């Protein structure tokens, strides 16, 4: 999201909360914290937050709404588990999952474990925990990239670089 788009988000907040302050520092901070979010997604999330929160939104509220609304294209844990139950077949050579995080969570639990389980509720709980952890990690990575703390390839940018201090 560009600085101008973040300014539009802050302008909408100002309309809903007239006492909200405007400053360059606030714009800089919000841009640093949510610039990795596409503008359309941030706007949808803001409308959700404005409809559900009594207080002026913070960047974390926008991120939380994106997760709740599945705006980011990541299925909820319930949706992901439903797909696993529909598609899981121990005899399939390859299963096409709708999202890579579903595939990763299935790999963590084990397709055979899921398919042969006699206590599917236990596997469901393990899947939810694994899947939600992967979603949180993805969100954290996006935030860290947006803050410039890690590069797009996941390498940490903090510390001494190129022999400089």
Protein backbone atom coordinates (compact mmCIF):
# COMPACT_ATOMS: atom_id res chain seq x y z
CA UNK A 1 0.00 0.00 0.00
CA UNK A 2 1.31 3.45 -0.86
CA UNK A 3 1.59 6.35 1.57
CA UNK A 4 -1.35 8.05 -0.18
CA UNK A 5 -3.48 4.93 0.33
CA UNK A 6 -2.53 4.78 4.01
CA UNK A 7 -3.49 8.46 4.22
CA UNK A 8 -6.91 7.54 2.78
CA UNK A 9 -7.31 4.86 5.47
CA UNK A 10 -6.45 7.43 8.15
CA UNK A 11 -8.88 9.92 6.59
CA UNK A 12 -11.69 7.36 6.87
CA UNK A 13 -10.76 6.80 10.51
CA UNK A 14 -10.87 10.58 11.04
CA UNK A 15 -14.41 10.68 9.62
CA UNK A 16 -15.57 7.93 11.98
CA UNK A 17 -13.59 9.30 14.95
CA UNK A 18 -13.42 13.11 14.64
CA UNK A 19 -11.16 13.34 17.71
CA UNK A 20 -8.52 11.25 15.92
CA UNK A 21 -5.27 13.12 15.51
CA UNK A 22 -3.49 13.58 12.21
CA UNK A 23 0.26 13.92 11.93
CA UNK A 24 3.13 13.00 9.68
CA UNK A 25 4.48 10.73 12.40
CA UNK A 26 1.19 8.83 12.57
CA UNK A 27 1.14 8.44 8.78
CA UNK A 28 4.76 7.24 8.82
CA UNK A 29 4.03 4.70 11.55
CA UNK A 30 0.86 3.36 9.93
CA UNK A 31 2.64 3.12 6.58
CA UNK A 32 5.48 1.17 8.17
CA UNK A 33 3.02 -1.17 9.90
CA UNK A 34 0.48 -1.90 7.16
CA UNK A 35 2.14 -1.07 3.83
CA UNK A 36 2.36 -4.79 2.98
CA UNK A 37 -1.45 -5.07 2.96
CA UNK A 38 -3.19 -4.38 -0.37
CA UNK A 39 -5.29 -1.20 -0.18
CA UNK A 40 -8.56 -2.91 -1.10
CA UNK A 41 -8.04 -5.49 1.66
CA UNK A 42 -7.16 -2.83 4.23
CA UNK A 43 -10.26 -0.82 3.31
CA UNK A 44 -12.55 -3.86 3.68
CA UNK A 45 -10.91 -4.69 7.00
CA UNK A 46 -11.31 -1.09 8.18
CA UNK A 47 -15.04 -1.12 7.39
CA UNK A 48 -15.36 -4.34 9.37
CA UNK A 49 -13.47 -2.82 12.31
CA UNK A 50 -15.52 0.39 12.18
CA UNK A 51 -18.68 -1.71 12.36
CA UNK A 52 -17.53 -3.91 15.23
CA UNK A 53 -15.25 -1.76 17.43
CA UNK A 54 -16.21 1.11 19.69
CA UNK A 55 -12.74 2.62 19.75
CA UNK A 56 -10.43 4.13 17.17
CA UNK A 57 -8.77 1.34 15.19
CA UNK A 58 -5.09 0.52 15.42
CA UNK A 59 -2.97 -1.25 12.78
CA UNK A 60 -3.35 -4.51 14.72
CA UNK A 61 -7.14 -4.21 14.39
CA UNK A 62 -6.79 -4.03 10.60
CA UNK A 63 -4.54 -7.12 10.55
CA UNK A 64 -6.89 -8.99 12.87
CA UNK A 65 -9.89 -8.17 10.69
CA UNK A 66 -8.08 -9.41 7.59
CA UNK A 67 -7.51 -12.74 9.30
CA UNK A 68 -11.13 -12.93 10.50
CA UNK A 69 -12.60 -12.02 7.14
CA UNK A 70 -10.34 -14.29 5.11
CA UNK A 71 -9.59 -11.23 2.96
CA UNK A 72 -6.04 -12.40 2.45
CA UNK A 73 -7.25 -15.49 0.58
CA UNK A 74 -6.20 -17.82 3.39
CA UNK A 75 -9.01 -20.23 4.30
CA UNK A 76 -10.12 -20.36 7.92
CA UNK A 77 -9.09 -23.42 9.93
CA UNK A 78 -12.64 -24.75 9.65
CA UNK A 79 -12.66 -24.35 5.87
CA UNK A 80 -9.23 -25.95 5.58
CA UNK A 81 -10.26 -28.94 7.71
CA UNK A 82 -13.41 -29.37 5.65
CA UNK A 83 -11.28 -29.54 2.52
CA UNK A 84 -8.99 -32.09 4.15
CA UNK A 85 -11.96 -34.29 5.02
CA UNK A 86 -13.32 -34.05 1.46
CA UNK A 87 -10.02 -34.67 -0.35
CA UNK A 88 -7.95 -36.84 1.98
CA UNK A 89 -7.26 -40.14 0.28
CA UNK A 90 -4.33 -42.23 1.36
CA UNK A 91 -4.22 -43.88 -2.07
CA UNK A 92 -4.02 -40.64 -4.07
CA UNK A 93 -0.59 -40.05 -5.59
CA UNK A 94 -1.04 -36.30 -5.39
CA UNK A 95 -3.75 -34.12 -3.85
CA UNK A 96 -4.26 -30.56 -5.07
CA UNK A 97 -4.98 -28.41 -2.03
CA UNK A 98 -6.58 -24.99 -2.53
CA UNK A 99 -3.90 -23.29 -0.44
CA UNK A 100 -0.27 -24.20 0.32
CA UNK A 101 -0.84 -23.77 4.06
CA UNK A 102 -3.38 -26.61 3.97
CA UNK A 103 -0.80 -28.82 2.29
CA UNK A 104 1.80 -27.86 4.86
CA UNK A 105 -0.52 -28.56 7.80
CA UNK A 106 -1.49 -31.94 6.33
CA UNK A 107 2.19 -32.75 5.93
CA UNK A 108 2.83 -31.85 9.58
CA UNK A 109 0.03 -34.12 10.83
CA UNK A 110 0.53 -36.77 8.19
CA UNK A 111 -2.00 -37.77 5.55
CA UNK A 112 -1.89 -41.41 6.67
CA UNK A 113 -2.52 -40.36 10.27
CA UNK A 114 -5.58 -38.36 9.23
CA UNK A 115 -6.97 -41.05 6.91
CA UNK A 116 -6.49 -43.95 9.33
CA UNK A 117 -7.49 -42.14 12.51
CA UNK A 118 -9.96 -43.79 14.82
CA UNK A 119 -10.20 -40.56 16.82
CA UNK A 120 -10.63 -37.97 14.08
CA UNK A 121 -11.44 -35.29 16.65
CA UNK A 122 -7.89 -35.59 17.96
CA UNK A 123 -6.47 -35.19 14.44
CA UNK A 124 -8.80 -32.24 13.90
CA UNK A 125 -7.43 -30.53 17.00
CA UNK A 126 -3.84 -31.20 15.92
CA UNK A 127 -4.61 -29.93 12.42
CA UNK A 128 -6.22 -26.73 13.76
CA UNK A 129 -3.22 -26.05 15.99
CA UNK A 130 -0.74 -26.65 13.17
CA UNK A 131 -2.75 -24.71 10.60
CA UNK A 132 -3.42 -21.71 12.83
CA UNK A 133 0.27 -21.62 13.75
CA UNK A 134 1.21 -21.57 10.07
CA UNK A 135 -1.29 -18.79 9.35
CA UNK A 136 0.07 -16.75 12.29
CA UNK A 137 3.63 -17.30 11.10
CA UNK A 138 2.68 -16.14 7.61
CA UNK A 139 1.04 -13.02 9.04
CA UNK A 140 4.07 -12.33 11.23
CA UNK A 141 6.37 -12.73 8.24
CA UNK A 142 4.25 -10.27 6.24
CA UNK A 143 4.42 -7.78 9.09
CA UNK A 144 8.19 -8.15 9.43
CA UNK A 145 8.62 -7.68 5.68
CA UNK A 146 6.39 -4.61 5.82
CA UNK A 147 8.56 -3.20 8.59
CA UNK A 148 11.69 -3.94 6.57
CA UNK A 149 13.03 -6.33 9.21
CA UNK A 150 13.30 -9.25 6.81
CA UNK A 151 13.73 -9.47 3.07
CA UNK A 152 11.24 -11.06 0.68
CA UNK A 153 13.29 -14.28 0.80
CA UNK A 154 12.85 -14.45 4.60
CA UNK A 155 16.37 -13.39 5.60
CA UNK A 156 16.73 -11.23 8.69
CA UNK A 157 17.94 -7.67 7.98
CA UNK A 158 18.90 -6.76 11.55
CA UNK A 159 22.46 -6.59 12.80
CA UNK A 160 25.73 -5.88 11.04
CA UNK A 161 25.54 -5.93 7.25
CA UNK A 162 28.43 -5.68 4.85
CA UNK A 163 30.95 -5.20 7.62
CA UNK A 164 29.35 -1.94 8.74
CA UNK A 165 28.13 -1.19 12.26
